[in-house]
Amino acid sequence: MNNTFLMHCGGRPIGFDDPALSFVPEKTDTYEPVSFSELLLNTRRICDDLLDMEFVDQKIAVSAKDKRMFALLQYRRDEQDQIGHAVGIRSSHDKSMSIGFCSGATLFVCDNMAFTGEVTYMRKHTKNVFNDLKEKLVTTIYNNKNKLFNIEIDAEKLQNTQITNDDAYSFIGKALGHKTLLSRQAQVAIRHWNNPPYAEFMNKDAWSLYNANTEALKSTQPNKIIEKHIDLHSRILDHFGIG
C-alpha cells in the first residue's frame, strides 16, 4: 500500500485485515448497518464481473475514529498501462454520508486519481443494500464506459500544454480561492510543482501541474475526496481551455 495515501486530516491508510473494516454498528428499525469489508467485497465482485480488466490493487483509508471509509479499486488492461481504471467508493458508520462511488482513472506511478462526472449515491443503509449496489454499479460503469478513454485524451492534451511557473501559481491560487484546495494543500501543490517527486512529472506542462494538485488532494477527508477530484479535473481543463 502506498504510504502517502490519505495520511492527513485524521485519515489513516489500512489493509483489508484491519478490524475497522469488519466493525458493524447497532442495527435499528430504519438503519441497516453494512460493514466496510462486506461493502468492499461486494463492490469488488461486481467490478470483477463488469470490467474486462485485470484487478491490480485496492487502497483503503478511514477517518473520524474509523467511522468513515474511502477505498480505491484499481484495474488495468495490461502491464503496459500507465493509467488504469479506478472505482472509488466511500461509506460511513456515523451517518455523515450515504454510500457513494465514482468511476475514473488512477495513475499507477503515484496512485493519483482522476475522477470526472458525478458521484453516484446510493440510498442510506437500508435493506437490500447490495441489490441496490449492483444495480447502481452496473448503470454507472456502462454509462461511463468512455470515461477512461476521455481521461486519457485529457491527459494527452494537458501534457501538450506548456506552462510557466506563473501559470502554475495562478491556477493553484484559484484552486485555493474556490476551495478546491485547502491552504496547506496549496502549499503541497506548490512544493510538488517546484520539486516533482516523480520523474514523470518533471516537464513544465499542465499535466505535471494536475498531478501536483492531485498529490495535494491525498490529504482530503474520505467523505469529500471524490468531489474534490471531480472539481479539480473540470477546473484545470477550463483554466487552460481544454475541452
C-alpha atoms as a PDB file:
ATOM      1  CA  MET A   1       0.000   0.000   0.000  1.00  0.00           C
ATOM      2  CA  ASN A   2       1.234   3.469  -0.873  1.00  0.00           C
ATOM      3  CA  ASN A   3       2.037   5.036   2.496  1.00  0.00           C
ATOM      4  CA  THR A   4       1.135   8.510   1.227  1.00  0.00           C
ATOM      5  CA  PHE A   5      -2.487   7.524   0.682  1.00  0.00           C
ATOM      6  CA  LEU A   6      -4.718   9.773   2.792  1.00  0.00           C
ATOM      7  CA  MET A   7      -2.287  10.249   5.631  1.00  0.00           C
ATOM      8  CA  HIS A   8      -3.524  13.644   6.814  1.00  0.00           C
ATOM      9  CA  CYS A   9      -6.726  15.223   8.124  1.00  0.00           C
ATOM     10  CA  GLY A  10      -7.162  12.387  10.615  1.00  0.00           C
ATOM     11  CA  GLY A  11      -7.218   9.757   7.870  1.00  0.00           C
ATOM     12  CA  ARG A  12      -5.076   6.652   8.016  1.00  0.00           C
ATOM     13  CA  PRO A  13      -4.341   4.055   5.341  1.00  0.00           C
ATOM     14  CA  ILE A  14      -5.224   0.496   6.326  1.00  0.00           C
ATOM     15  CA  GLY A  15      -5.171  -3.016   4.952  1.00  0.00           C
ATOM     16  CA  PHE A  16      -8.173  -5.224   4.344  1.00  0.00           C
ATOM     17  CA  ASP A  17      -7.470  -7.166   7.532  1.00  0.00           C
ATOM     18  CA  ASP A  18      -7.797  -4.073   9.742  1.00  0.00           C
ATOM     19  CA  PRO A  19     -10.517  -4.509  12.428  1.00  0.00           C
ATOM     20  CA  ALA A  20     -12.039  -1.153  11.458  1.00  0.00           C
ATOM     21  CA  LEU A  21     -13.388  -2.721   8.272  1.00  0.00           C
ATOM     22  CA  SER A  22     -15.268  -5.547   9.980  1.00  0.00           C
ATOM     23  CA  PHE A  23     -16.952  -3.392  12.616  1.00  0.00           C
ATOM     24  CA  VAL A  24     -20.752  -3.215  12.334  1.00  0.00           C
ATOM     25  CA  PRO A  25     -22.744  -0.629  14.336  1.00  0.00           C
ATOM     26  CA  GLU A  26     -26.003  -1.430  16.040  1.00  0.00           C
ATOM     27  CA  LYS A  27     -28.996  -2.082  13.811  1.00  0.00           C
ATOM     28  CA  THR A  28     -32.200  -0.049  14.212  1.00  0.00           C
ATOM     29  CA  ASP A  29     -35.661  -0.088  12.613  1.00  0.00           C
ATOM     30  CA  THR A  30     -34.513   2.428   9.993  1.00  0.00           C
ATOM     31  CA  TYR A  31     -30.797   1.689   9.777  1.00  0.00           C
ATOM     32  CA  GLU A  32     -29.335  -1.498   8.312  1.00  0.00           C
ATOM     33  CA  PRO A  33     -25.593  -1.399   9.058  1.00  0.00           C
ATOM     34  CA  VAL A  34     -23.129  -2.690   6.477  1.00  0.00           C
ATOM     35  CA  SER A  35     -19.514  -3.382   7.379  1.00  0.00           C
ATOM     36  CA  PHE A  36     -16.913  -1.683   5.233  1.00  0.00           C
ATOM     37  CA  SER A  37     -15.347  -5.065   4.463  1.00  0.00           C
ATOM     38  CA  GLU A  38     -18.629  -6.512   3.197  1.00  0.00           C
ATOM     39  CA  LEU A  39     -19.218  -3.422   1.079  1.00  0.00           C
ATOM     40  CA  LEU A  40     -15.742  -3.639  -0.435  1.00  0.00           C
ATOM     41  CA  LEU A  41     -16.007  -7.371  -1.118  1.00  0.00           C
ATOM     42  CA  ASN A  42     -19.330  -6.988  -2.910  1.00  0.00           C
ATOM     43  CA  THR A  43     -18.115  -3.987  -4.895  1.00  0.00           C
ATOM     44  CA  ARG A  44     -15.006  -5.917  -5.929  1.00  0.00           C
ATOM     45  CA  ARG A  45     -17.065  -8.911  -7.072  1.00  0.00           C
ATOM     46  CA  ILE A  46     -19.333  -6.715  -9.181  1.00  0.00           C
ATOM     47  CA  CYS A  47     -16.435  -4.785 -10.735  1.00  0.00           C
ATOM     48  CA  ASP A  48     -14.555  -8.014 -11.498  1.00  0.00           C
ATOM     49  CA  ASP A  49     -17.619  -9.228 -13.391  1.00  0.00           C
ATOM     50  CA  LEU A  50     -18.262  -5.983 -15.253  1.00  0.00           C
ATOM     51  CA  LEU A  51     -14.775  -4.760 -16.117  1.00  0.00           C
ATOM     52  CA  ASP A  52     -12.856  -6.681 -18.746  1.00  0.00           C
ATOM     53  CA  MET A  53      -9.641  -5.754 -16.966  1.00  0.00           C
ATOM     54  CA  GLU A  54      -7.107  -7.149 -14.531  1.00  0.00           C
ATOM     55  CA  PHE A  55      -7.529  -6.224 -10.867  1.00  0.00           C
ATOM     56  CA  VAL A  56      -4.325  -4.593  -9.628  1.00  0.00           C
ATOM     57  CA  ASP A  57      -4.796  -3.369  -6.078  1.00  0.00           C
ATOM     58  CA  GLN A  58      -7.057  -1.607  -3.613  1.00  0.00           C
ATOM     59  CA  LYS A  59      -6.249   1.380  -1.395  1.00  0.00           C
ATOM     60  CA  ILE A  60      -8.287   1.910   1.765  1.00  0.00           C
ATOM     61  CA  ALA A  61      -8.345   4.723   4.308  1.00  0.00           C
ATOM     62  CA  VAL A  62     -10.508   5.515   7.319  1.00  0.00           C
ATOM     63  CA  SER A  63     -11.038   8.679   9.364  1.00  0.00           C
ATOM     64  CA  ALA A  64     -13.291  10.177  12.057  1.00  0.00           C
ATOM     65  CA  LYS A  65     -12.350   7.496  14.584  1.00  0.00           C
ATOM     66  CA  ASP A  66     -12.643   4.820  11.863  1.00  0.00           C
ATOM     67  CA  LYS A  67     -16.277   5.692  11.161  1.00  0.00           C
ATOM     68  CA  ARG A  68     -15.679   6.974   7.608  1.00  0.00           C
ATOM     69  CA  MET A  69     -14.065   4.991   4.833  1.00  0.00           C
ATOM     70  CA  PHE A  70     -12.779   5.660   1.323  1.00  0.00           C
ATOM     71  CA  ALA A  71     -11.371   2.982  -0.970  1.00  0.00           C
ATOM     72  CA  LEU A  72      -9.942   2.893  -4.457  1.00  0.00           C
ATOM     73  CA  LEU A  73     -10.170  -0.265  -6.590  1.00  0.00           C
ATOM     74  CA  GLN A  74      -7.557  -0.273  -9.346  1.00  0.00           C
ATOM     75  CA  TYR A  75      -7.750  -2.146 -12.680  1.00  0.00           C
ATOM     76  CA  ARG A  76      -5.706  -2.152 -15.881  1.00  0.00           C
ATOM     77  CA  ARG A  77      -5.921  -3.569 -19.381  1.00  0.00           C
ATOM     78  CA  ASP A  78      -2.334  -4.858 -19.449  1.00  0.00           C
ATOM     79  CA  GLU A  79       1.019  -4.427 -17.752  1.00  0.00           C
ATOM     80  CA  GLN A  80       1.959  -1.534 -20.058  1.00  0.00           C
ATOM     81  CA  ASP A  81      -0.899   0.606 -18.758  1.00  0.00           C
ATOM     82  CA  GLN A  82       0.261   3.788 -17.044  1.00  0.00           C
ATOM     83  CA  ILE A  83      -3.314   4.946 -16.486  1.00  0.00           C
ATOM     84  CA  GLY A  84      -5.777   2.380 -15.186  1.00  0.00           C
ATOM     85  CA  HIS A  85      -9.473   2.239 -14.425  1.00  0.00           C
ATOM     86  CA  ALA A  86     -10.439   3.255 -10.905  1.00  0.00           C
ATOM     87  CA  VAL A  87     -13.596   2.796  -8.875  1.00  0.00           C
ATOM     88  CA  GLY A  88     -13.784   4.977  -5.781  1.00  0.00           C
ATOM     89  CA  ILE A  89     -16.207   4.013  -3.048  1.00  0.00           C
ATOM     90  CA  ARG A  90     -16.991   5.571   0.307  1.00  0.00           C
ATOM     91  CA  SER A  91     -19.236   4.906   3.266  1.00  0.00           C
ATOM     92  CA  SER A  92     -19.703   5.847   6.908  1.00  0.00           C
ATOM     93  CA  HIS A  93     -20.938   4.477  10.216  1.00  0.00           C
ATOM     94  CA  ASP A  94     -21.679   7.908  11.693  1.00  0.00           C
ATOM     95  CA  LYS A  95     -24.488   8.634   9.190  1.00  0.00           C
ATOM     96  CA  SER A  96     -22.475  11.544   7.779  1.00  0.00           C
ATOM     97  CA  MET A  97     -22.932  10.283   4.224  1.00  0.00           C
ATOM     98  CA  SER A  98     -24.702   7.690   2.143  1.00  0.00           C
ATOM     99  CA  ILE A  99     -22.692   5.105   0.264  1.00  0.00           C
ATOM    100  CA  GLY A 100     -21.309   6.721  -2.864  1.00  0.00           C
ATOM    101  CA  PHE A 101     -18.985   5.709  -5.653  1.00  0.00           C
ATOM    102  CA  CYS A 102     -17.447   7.080  -8.824  1.00  0.00           C
ATOM    103  CA  SER A 103     -15.686   5.647 -11.854  1.00  0.00           C
ATOM    104  CA  GLY A 104     -12.499   7.238 -13.156  1.00  0.00           C
ATOM    105  CA  ALA A 105      -8.773   6.665 -13.577  1.00  0.00           C
ATOM    106  CA  THR A 106      -5.698   6.024 -11.453  1.00  0.00           C
ATOM    107  CA  LEU A 107      -2.032   6.656 -12.211  1.00  0.00           C
ATOM    108  CA  PHE A 108      -0.016   3.640 -11.159  1.00  0.00           C
ATOM    109  CA  VAL A 109       3.199   5.579 -10.662  1.00  0.00           C
ATOM    110  CA  CYS A 110       1.792   7.579  -7.764  1.00  0.00           C
ATOM    111  CA  ASP A 111      -1.775   6.372  -7.054  1.00  0.00           C
ATOM    112  CA  ASN A 112      -3.144   9.766  -8.057  1.00  0.00           C
ATOM    113  CA  MET A 113      -6.797   9.779  -9.080  1.00  0.00           C
ATOM    114  CA  ALA A 114      -8.705  11.430 -11.912  1.00  0.00           C
ATOM    115  CA  PHE A 115     -12.470  11.483 -11.489  1.00  0.00           C
ATOM    116  CA  THR A 116     -14.935  13.223 -13.776  1.00  0.00           C
ATOM    117  CA  GLY A 117     -18.713  13.485 -13.937  1.00  0.00           C
ATOM    118  CA  GLU A 118     -20.729  12.974 -10.794  1.00  0.00           C
ATOM    119  CA  VAL A 119     -20.765  10.789  -7.721  1.00  0.00           C
ATOM    120  CA  THR A 120     -23.358   8.032  -7.834  1.00  0.00           C
ATOM    121  CA  TYR A 121     -25.151   7.921  -4.499  1.00  0.00           C
ATOM    122  CA  MET A 122     -26.960   5.013  -3.001  1.00  0.00           C
ATOM    123  CA  ARG A 123     -29.812   5.421  -0.583  1.00  0.00           C
ATOM    124  CA  LYS A 124     -28.843   5.228   3.060  1.00  0.00           C
ATOM    125  CA  HIS A 125     -28.089   1.912   4.699  1.00  0.00           C
ATOM    126  CA  THR A 126     -31.367   0.032   4.419  1.00  0.00           C
ATOM    127  CA  LYS A 127     -32.394  -3.480   3.467  1.00  0.00           C
ATOM    128  CA  ASN A 128     -31.327  -4.905   0.092  1.00  0.00           C
ATOM    129  CA  VAL A 129     -28.345  -2.575   0.029  1.00  0.00           C
ATOM    130  CA  PHE A 130     -26.280  -4.959  -2.095  1.00  0.00           C
ATOM    131  CA  ASN A 131     -29.003  -5.394  -4.697  1.00  0.00           C
ATOM    132  CA  ASP A 132     -29.053  -1.619  -4.974  1.00  0.00           C
ATOM    133  CA  LEU A 133     -25.272  -1.554  -5.132  1.00  0.00           C
ATOM    134  CA  LYS A 134     -25.154  -3.960  -8.067  1.00  0.00           C
ATOM    135  CA  GLU A 135     -27.805  -2.032  -9.962  1.00  0.00           C
ATOM    136  CA  LYS A 136     -26.075   1.307  -9.362  1.00  0.00           C
ATOM    137  CA  LEU A 137     -22.625  -0.013 -10.256  1.00  0.00           C
ATOM    138  CA  VAL A 138     -23.820  -1.636 -13.471  1.00  0.00           C
ATOM    139  CA  THR A 139     -25.509   1.612 -14.512  1.00  0.00           C
ATOM    140  CA  THR A 140     -22.520   3.754 -13.547  1.00  0.00           C
ATOM    141  CA  ILE A 141     -19.917   1.643 -15.329  1.00  0.00           C
ATOM    142  CA  TYR A 142     -21.947   1.257 -18.519  1.00  0.00           C
ATOM    143  CA  ASN A 143     -22.920   4.931 -18.607  1.00  0.00           C
ATOM    144  CA  ASN A 144     -19.286   5.906 -18.107  1.00  0.00           C
ATOM    145  CA  LYS A 145     -17.651   3.323 -20.357  1.00  0.00           C
ATOM    146  CA  ASN A 146     -15.905   6.080 -22.334  1.00  0.00           C
ATOM    147  CA  LYS A 147     -14.741   7.954 -19.248  1.00  0.00           C
ATOM    148  CA  LEU A 148     -11.328   6.298 -19.041  1.00  0.00           C
ATOM    149  CA  PHE A 149     -10.702   6.999 -22.727  1.00  0.00           C
ATOM    150  CA  ASN A 150     -11.745  10.631 -22.239  1.00  0.00           C
ATOM    151  CA  ILE A 151      -9.403  10.994 -19.260  1.00  0.00           C
ATOM    152  CA  GLU A 152      -6.536   9.611 -21.341  1.00  0.00           C
ATOM    153  CA  ILE A 153      -7.314  12.216 -24.032  1.00  0.00           C
ATOM    154  CA  ASP A 154      -7.446  14.941 -21.369  1.00  0.00           C
ATOM    155  CA  ALA A 155      -4.069  13.784 -20.040  1.00  0.00           C
ATOM    156  CA  GLU A 156      -2.527  13.969 -23.502  1.00  0.00           C
ATOM    157  CA  LYS A 157      -3.863  17.489 -24.031  1.00  0.00           C
ATOM    158  CA  LEU A 158      -2.559  18.574 -20.635  1.00  0.00           C
ATOM    159  CA  GLN A 159       0.852  17.105 -21.466  1.00  0.00           C
ATOM    160  CA  ASN A 160       0.892  19.162 -24.668  1.00  0.00           C
ATOM    161  CA  THR A 161       0.095  22.384 -22.796  1.00  0.00           C
ATOM    162  CA  GLN A 162       3.375  24.000 -21.764  1.00  0.00           C
ATOM    163  CA  ILE A 163       3.061  26.440 -18.865  1.00  0.00           C
ATOM    164  CA  THR A 164       5.239  28.744 -16.780  1.00  0.00           C
ATOM    165  CA  ASN A 165       5.681  28.936 -13.040  1.00  0.00           C
ATOM    166  CA  ASP A 166       3.376  31.960 -13.002  1.00  0.00           C
ATOM    167  CA  ASP A 167       0.692  29.915 -14.819  1.00  0.00           C
ATOM    168  CA  ALA A 168       1.014  27.188 -12.202  1.00  0.00           C
ATOM    169  CA  TYR A 169       0.912  29.588  -9.260  1.00  0.00           C
ATOM    170  CA  SER A 170      -2.107  31.341 -10.769  1.00  0.00           C
ATOM    171  CA  PHE A 171      -4.039  28.071 -11.035  1.00  0.00           C
ATOM    172  CA  ILE A 172      -3.118  26.933  -7.539  1.00  0.00           C
ATOM    173  CA  GLY A 173      -4.220  30.317  -6.185  1.00  0.00           C
ATOM    174  CA  LYS A 174      -7.583  29.998  -7.938  1.00  0.00           C
ATOM    175  CA  ALA A 175      -7.983  26.435  -6.678  1.00  0.00           C
ATOM    176  CA  LEU A 176      -7.372  27.763  -3.179  1.00  0.00           C
ATOM    177  CA  GLY A 177      -9.811  30.639  -3.660  1.00  0.00           C
ATOM    178  CA  HIS A 178     -12.526  28.293  -4.925  1.00  0.00           C
ATOM    179  CA  LYS A 179     -11.818  25.882  -2.038  1.00  0.00           C
ATOM    180  CA  THR A 180     -10.772  23.047  -4.290  1.00  0.00           C
ATOM    181  CA  LEU A 181      -7.599  23.068  -2.188  1.00  0.00           C
ATOM    182  CA  LEU A 182      -7.142  23.930   1.469  1.00  0.00           C
ATOM    183  CA  SER A 183      -4.340  26.347   2.342  1.00  0.00           C
ATOM    184  CA  ARG A 184      -1.950  23.594   3.421  1.00  0.00           C
ATOM    185  CA  GLN A 185      -2.834  21.608   0.303  1.00  0.00           C
ATOM    186  CA  ALA A 186      -1.997  24.619  -1.870  1.00  0.00           C
ATOM    187  CA  GLN A 187       1.428  24.670  -0.226  1.00  0.00           C
ATOM    188  CA  VAL A 188       1.852  20.975  -1.022  1.00  0.00           C
ATOM    189  CA  ALA A 189       0.822  21.567  -4.645  1.00  0.00           C
ATOM    190  CA  ILE A 190       3.399  24.364  -4.984  1.00  0.00           C
ATOM    191  CA  ARG A 191       6.091  22.171  -3.465  1.00  0.00           C
ATOM    192  CA  HIS A 192       5.303  19.293  -5.815  1.00  0.00           C
ATOM    193  CA  TRP A 193       5.235  21.645  -8.796  1.00  0.00           C
ATOM    194  CA  ASN A 194       8.605  23.138  -7.912  1.00  0.00           C
ATOM    195  CA  ASN A 195      10.187  19.795  -6.976  1.00  0.00           C
ATOM    196  CA  PRO A 196       8.254  16.874  -8.506  1.00  0.00           C
ATOM    197  CA  PRO A 197       8.853  13.636  -6.576  1.00  0.00           C
ATOM    198  CA  TYR A 198       8.335  11.563  -9.734  1.00  0.00           C
ATOM    199  CA  ALA A 199      10.368  11.779 -12.943  1.00  0.00           C
ATOM    200  CA  GLU A 200       7.163  11.504 -14.976  1.00  0.00           C
ATOM    201  CA  PHE A 201       6.109  14.988 -13.818  1.00  0.00           C
ATOM    202  CA  MET A 202       9.356  16.886 -14.363  1.00  0.00           C
ATOM    203  CA  ASN A 203       8.084  18.607 -17.506  1.00  0.00           C
ATOM    204  CA  LYS A 204       6.656  22.091 -17.100  1.00  0.00           C
ATOM    205  CA  ASP A 205       3.254  21.301 -18.507  1.00  0.00           C
ATOM    206  CA  ALA A 206      -0.339  21.308 -17.297  1.00  0.00           C
ATOM    207  CA  TRP A 207      -0.234  17.537 -16.699  1.00  0.00           C
ATOM    208  CA  SER A 208       2.567  17.943 -14.179  1.00  0.00           C
ATOM    209  CA  LEU A 209       0.562  20.721 -12.528  1.00  0.00           C
ATOM    210  CA  TYR A 210      -2.521  18.497 -12.433  1.00  0.00           C
ATOM    211  CA  ASN A 211      -0.599  15.812 -10.605  1.00  0.00           C
ATOM    212  CA  ALA A 212       0.967  18.297  -8.200  1.00  0.00           C
ATOM    213  CA  ASN A 213      -2.605  19.136  -7.223  1.00  0.00           C
ATOM    214  CA  THR A 214      -3.810  15.537  -7.024  1.00  0.00           C
ATOM    215  CA  GLU A 215      -0.846  14.792  -4.761  1.00  0.00           C
ATOM    216  CA  ALA A 216      -2.076  17.609  -2.517  1.00  0.00           C
ATOM    217  CA  LEU A 217      -5.602  16.179  -2.522  1.00  0.00           C
ATOM    218  CA  LYS A 218      -4.379  12.952  -0.942  1.00  0.00           C
ATOM    219  CA  SER A 219      -4.896  14.685   2.394  1.00  0.00           C
ATOM    220  CA  THR A 220      -8.632  15.171   1.779  1.00  0.00           C
ATOM    221  CA  GLN A 221     -11.186  13.648   4.134  1.00  0.00           C
ATOM    222  CA  PRO A 222     -12.758  10.435   2.751  1.00  0.00           C
ATOM    223  CA  ASN A 223     -16.238  11.985   2.661  1.00  0.00           C
ATOM    224  CA  LYS A 224     -15.045  14.771   0.354  1.00  0.00           C
ATOM    225  CA  ILE A 225     -12.304  13.260  -1.758  1.00  0.00           C
ATOM    226  CA  ILE A 226     -14.352  12.207  -4.794  1.00  0.00           C
ATOM    227  CA  GLU A 227     -15.984  15.625  -5.249  1.00  0.00           C
ATOM    228  CA  LYS A 228     -12.627  17.376  -4.795  1.00  0.00           C
ATOM    229  CA  HIS A 229     -11.067  15.326  -7.594  1.00  0.00           C
ATOM    230  CA  ILE A 230     -14.039  15.910  -9.881  1.00  0.00           C
ATOM    231  CA  ASP A 231     -13.829  19.646  -9.178  1.00  0.00           C
ATOM    232  CA  LEU A 232     -10.075  19.728  -9.815  1.00  0.00           C
ATOM    233  CA  HIS A 233     -10.395  17.858 -13.105  1.00  0.00           C
ATOM    234  CA  SER A 234     -13.035  20.157 -14.555  1.00  0.00           C
ATOM    235  CA  ARG A 235     -11.370  23.274 -13.159  1.00  0.00           C
ATOM    236  CA  ILE A 236      -7.944  22.643 -14.696  1.00  0.00           C
ATOM    237  CA  LEU A 237      -9.433  21.813 -18.096  1.00  0.00           C
ATOM    238  CA  ASP A 238     -11.441  25.026 -18.005  1.00  0.00           C
ATOM    239  CA  HIS A 239      -8.474  27.103 -16.786  1.00  0.00           C
ATOM    240  CA  PHE A 240      -6.295  26.053 -19.732  1.00  0.00           C
ATOM    241  CA  GLY A 241      -9.089  25.987 -22.318  1.00  0.00           C
ATOM    242  CA  ILE A 242      -9.045  22.235 -22.839  1.00  0.00           C
ATOM    243  CA  GLY A 243     -12.356  20.848 -23.972  1.00  0.00           C
END
